[in-house]
Each structure stands twice: as structure tokens, then as C-alpha cells.
């Protein structure tokens, strides 16, 4: 099984194999992403300043 990777604002965030196939919620602020997972929230620093264009989630085929 491949590791779970999400892409938000053209920035990839790796979540690990244990989260592959899960549906997650991402909260975006000016400097961080907060990803809601089952074991608790995970924060990632935002390295881009690109605005959010598309609010619809996509699943891999």
C-alpha cells in the first residue's frame, strides 16, 4: 500500500501509510495547514502563498 499524500495549494503533505484511503479535513490559514485525523490534528507549515482555487475534493481512481 502506498503512503497517503495530499496536495493543498500545490503543496504536498505526506500523512503516512496508516492514513491511506481515509477521508480527512484540512483547515487552511495564512501560515499553516491543520489536518484533522482520527488520532488528533496534525499541523504542517505552509510554504506557498498561492490562494485556494478549487474547494472540491478529488479521490484517486
N, C-alpha and C. Protein backbone atom coordinates (compact mmCIF):
# COMPACT_ATOMS: atom_id res chain seq x y z
N UNK A 1 0.84 -1.18 0.00
CA UNK A 1 0.00 0.00 0.00
C UNK A 1 0.89 1.25 0.00
N UNK A 2 0.53 2.22 -0.78
CA UNK A 2 1.31 3.44 -0.91
C UNK A 2 1.02 4.40 0.25
N UNK A 3 1.96 5.28 0.56
CA UNK A 3 1.70 6.26 1.62
C UNK A 3 0.66 7.27 1.18
N UNK A 4 -0.07 7.79 2.15
CA UNK A 4 -1.11 8.78 1.87
C UNK A 4 -0.45 10.16 1.72
N UNK A 5 -0.69 10.78 0.58
CA UNK A 5 -0.16 12.11 0.31
C UNK A 5 -1.33 12.96 -0.18
N UNK A 6 -1.47 14.15 0.39
CA UNK A 6 -2.49 15.07 -0.08
C UNK A 6 -1.80 16.30 -0.67
N UNK A 7 -2.51 16.99 -1.55
CA UNK A 7 -1.97 18.21 -2.14
C UNK A 7 -2.95 19.34 -1.90
N UNK A 8 -2.45 20.40 -1.27
CA UNK A 8 -3.26 21.58 -0.98
C UNK A 8 -2.47 22.79 -1.44
N UNK A 9 -3.06 23.61 -2.28
CA UNK A 9 -2.41 24.83 -2.79
C UNK A 9 -1.06 24.51 -3.43
N UNK A 10 -1.01 23.45 -4.21
CA UNK A 10 0.20 22.98 -4.90
C UNK A 10 1.33 22.60 -3.96
N UNK A 11 1.01 22.27 -2.73
CA UNK A 11 1.99 21.81 -1.76
C UNK A 11 1.58 20.42 -1.30
N UNK A 12 2.51 19.46 -1.35
CA UNK A 12 2.19 18.10 -0.92
C UNK A 12 2.51 17.91 0.55
N UNK A 13 1.64 17.17 1.22
CA UNK A 13 1.81 16.84 2.63
C UNK A 13 1.65 15.34 2.77
N UNK A 14 2.66 14.66 3.30
CA UNK A 14 2.61 13.22 3.48
C UNK A 14 1.99 12.90 4.83
N UNK A 15 1.03 11.96 4.84
CA UNK A 15 0.35 11.60 6.08
C UNK A 15 0.78 10.24 6.61
N UNK A 16 1.39 9.40 5.79
CA UNK A 16 1.82 8.08 6.22
C UNK A 16 0.89 6.99 5.73
N UNK A 17 1.40 5.76 5.75
CA UNK A 17 0.64 4.63 5.22
C UNK A 17 -0.63 4.34 6.01
N UNK A 18 -0.62 4.57 7.30
CA UNK A 18 -1.78 4.23 8.11
C UNK A 18 -3.01 5.07 7.76
N UNK A 19 -2.84 6.17 7.05
CA UNK A 19 -3.95 7.03 6.68
C UNK A 19 -4.35 6.90 5.20
N UNK A 20 -3.78 5.95 4.50
CA UNK A 20 -4.11 5.75 3.09
C UNK A 20 -5.58 5.34 2.97
N UNK A 21 -6.31 5.99 2.10
CA UNK A 21 -7.71 5.69 1.86
C UNK A 21 -8.68 6.40 2.80
N UNK A 22 -8.19 7.12 3.80
CA UNK A 22 -9.06 7.83 4.72
C UNK A 22 -9.50 9.17 4.12
N UNK A 23 -10.62 9.65 4.58
CA UNK A 23 -11.10 10.99 4.23
C UNK A 23 -10.68 11.92 5.35
N UNK A 24 -10.00 12.99 5.02
CA UNK A 24 -9.51 13.94 6.02
C UNK A 24 -10.08 15.32 5.74
N UNK A 25 -10.08 16.17 6.76
CA UNK A 25 -10.50 17.56 6.63
C UNK A 25 -9.28 18.44 6.83
N UNK A 26 -9.08 19.41 5.94
CA UNK A 26 -7.92 20.30 6.00
C UNK A 26 -8.42 21.73 6.21
N UNK A 27 -7.89 22.38 7.25
CA UNK A 27 -8.18 23.79 7.51
C UNK A 27 -6.95 24.59 7.09
N UNK A 28 -7.15 25.61 6.26
CA UNK A 28 -6.05 26.38 5.70
C UNK A 28 -6.05 27.78 6.32
N UNK A 29 -4.89 28.20 6.84
CA UNK A 29 -4.72 29.57 7.29
C UNK A 29 -3.59 30.20 6.49
N UNK A 30 -3.19 31.40 6.83
CA UNK A 30 -2.13 32.08 6.08
C UNK A 30 -0.78 31.39 6.21
N UNK A 31 -0.51 30.74 7.34
CA UNK A 31 0.82 30.17 7.57
C UNK A 31 0.84 28.66 7.79
N UNK A 32 -0.32 28.02 8.06
CA UNK A 32 -0.32 26.59 8.35
C UNK A 32 -1.51 25.88 7.73
N UNK A 33 -1.38 24.55 7.62
CA UNK A 33 -2.48 23.64 7.32
C UNK A 33 -2.73 22.84 8.58
N UNK A 34 -3.97 22.67 8.97
CA UNK A 34 -4.33 21.78 10.07
C UNK A 34 -5.15 20.65 9.48
N UNK A 35 -4.67 19.42 9.63
CA UNK A 35 -5.29 18.25 9.06
C UNK A 35 -5.93 17.46 10.19
N UNK A 36 -7.24 17.27 10.15
CA UNK A 36 -7.95 16.52 11.18
C UNK A 36 -7.87 15.02 10.87
N UNK A 37 -7.20 14.28 11.76
CA UNK A 37 -7.06 12.83 11.64
C UNK A 37 -7.73 12.17 12.83
N UNK A 38 -7.86 10.83 12.78
CA UNK A 38 -8.51 10.10 13.87
C UNK A 38 -7.76 10.25 15.19
N UNK A 39 -6.42 10.23 15.16
CA UNK A 39 -5.64 10.31 16.40
C UNK A 39 -5.44 11.74 16.88
N UNK A 40 -5.91 12.71 16.14
CA UNK A 40 -5.78 14.11 16.54
C UNK A 40 -5.32 14.97 15.38
N UNK A 41 -5.34 16.27 15.56
CA UNK A 41 -4.95 17.17 14.47
C UNK A 41 -3.44 17.16 14.23
N UNK A 42 -3.06 17.33 12.98
CA UNK A 42 -1.65 17.45 12.59
C UNK A 42 -1.49 18.77 11.87
N UNK A 43 -0.44 19.50 12.21
CA UNK A 43 -0.19 20.79 11.59
C UNK A 43 1.01 20.69 10.65
N UNK A 44 0.92 21.40 9.54
CA UNK A 44 2.02 21.47 8.58
C UNK A 44 2.21 22.94 8.22
N UNK A 45 3.45 23.34 8.12
CA UNK A 45 3.76 24.73 7.77
C UNK A 45 3.46 24.95 6.28
N UNK A 46 2.88 26.07 5.99
CA UNK A 46 2.56 26.42 4.60
C UNK A 46 3.76 27.09 3.96
N UNK A 47 4.24 26.55 2.84
CA UNK A 47 5.42 27.09 2.18
C UNK A 47 5.07 27.88 0.92
N UNK A 48 3.81 27.89 0.53
CA UNK A 48 3.39 28.65 -0.65
C UNK A 48 2.39 29.72 -0.23
N UNK A 49 2.25 30.73 -1.06
CA UNK A 49 1.24 31.76 -0.79
C UNK A 49 0.17 31.77 -1.87
N UNK A 50 0.02 30.65 -2.56
CA UNK A 50 -0.97 30.52 -3.63
C UNK A 50 -2.37 30.44 -3.00
N UNK A 51 -3.33 31.21 -3.50
CA UNK A 51 -4.69 31.14 -2.94
C UNK A 51 -5.39 29.84 -3.35
N UNK A 52 -6.39 29.46 -2.59
CA UNK A 52 -7.16 28.26 -2.89
C UNK A 52 -8.10 28.59 -4.05
N UNK A 53 -8.07 27.75 -5.09
CA UNK A 53 -8.93 27.98 -6.26
C UNK A 53 -10.09 27.00 -6.31
N UNK A 54 -9.87 25.77 -5.88
CA UNK A 54 -10.86 24.72 -6.03
C UNK A 54 -11.16 24.14 -4.66
N UNK A 55 -12.42 24.15 -4.26
CA UNK A 55 -12.81 23.67 -2.95
C UNK A 55 -13.36 22.25 -2.99
N UNK A 56 -13.32 21.60 -4.14
CA UNK A 56 -13.87 20.25 -4.27
C UNK A 56 -12.76 19.21 -4.08
N UNK A 57 -13.02 18.19 -3.30
CA UNK A 57 -12.01 17.14 -3.11
C UNK A 57 -11.97 16.21 -4.31
N UNK A 58 -10.84 15.60 -4.51
CA UNK A 58 -10.67 14.61 -5.58
C UNK A 58 -10.11 13.34 -4.98
N UNK A 59 -10.60 12.22 -5.43
CA UNK A 59 -10.10 10.92 -4.99
C UNK A 59 -9.31 10.30 -6.14
N UNK A 60 -8.27 9.56 -5.82
CA UNK A 60 -7.55 8.88 -6.91
C UNK A 60 -8.42 7.78 -7.49
N UNK A 61 -8.20 7.45 -8.72
CA UNK A 61 -9.00 6.41 -9.39
C UNK A 61 -8.61 5.04 -8.96
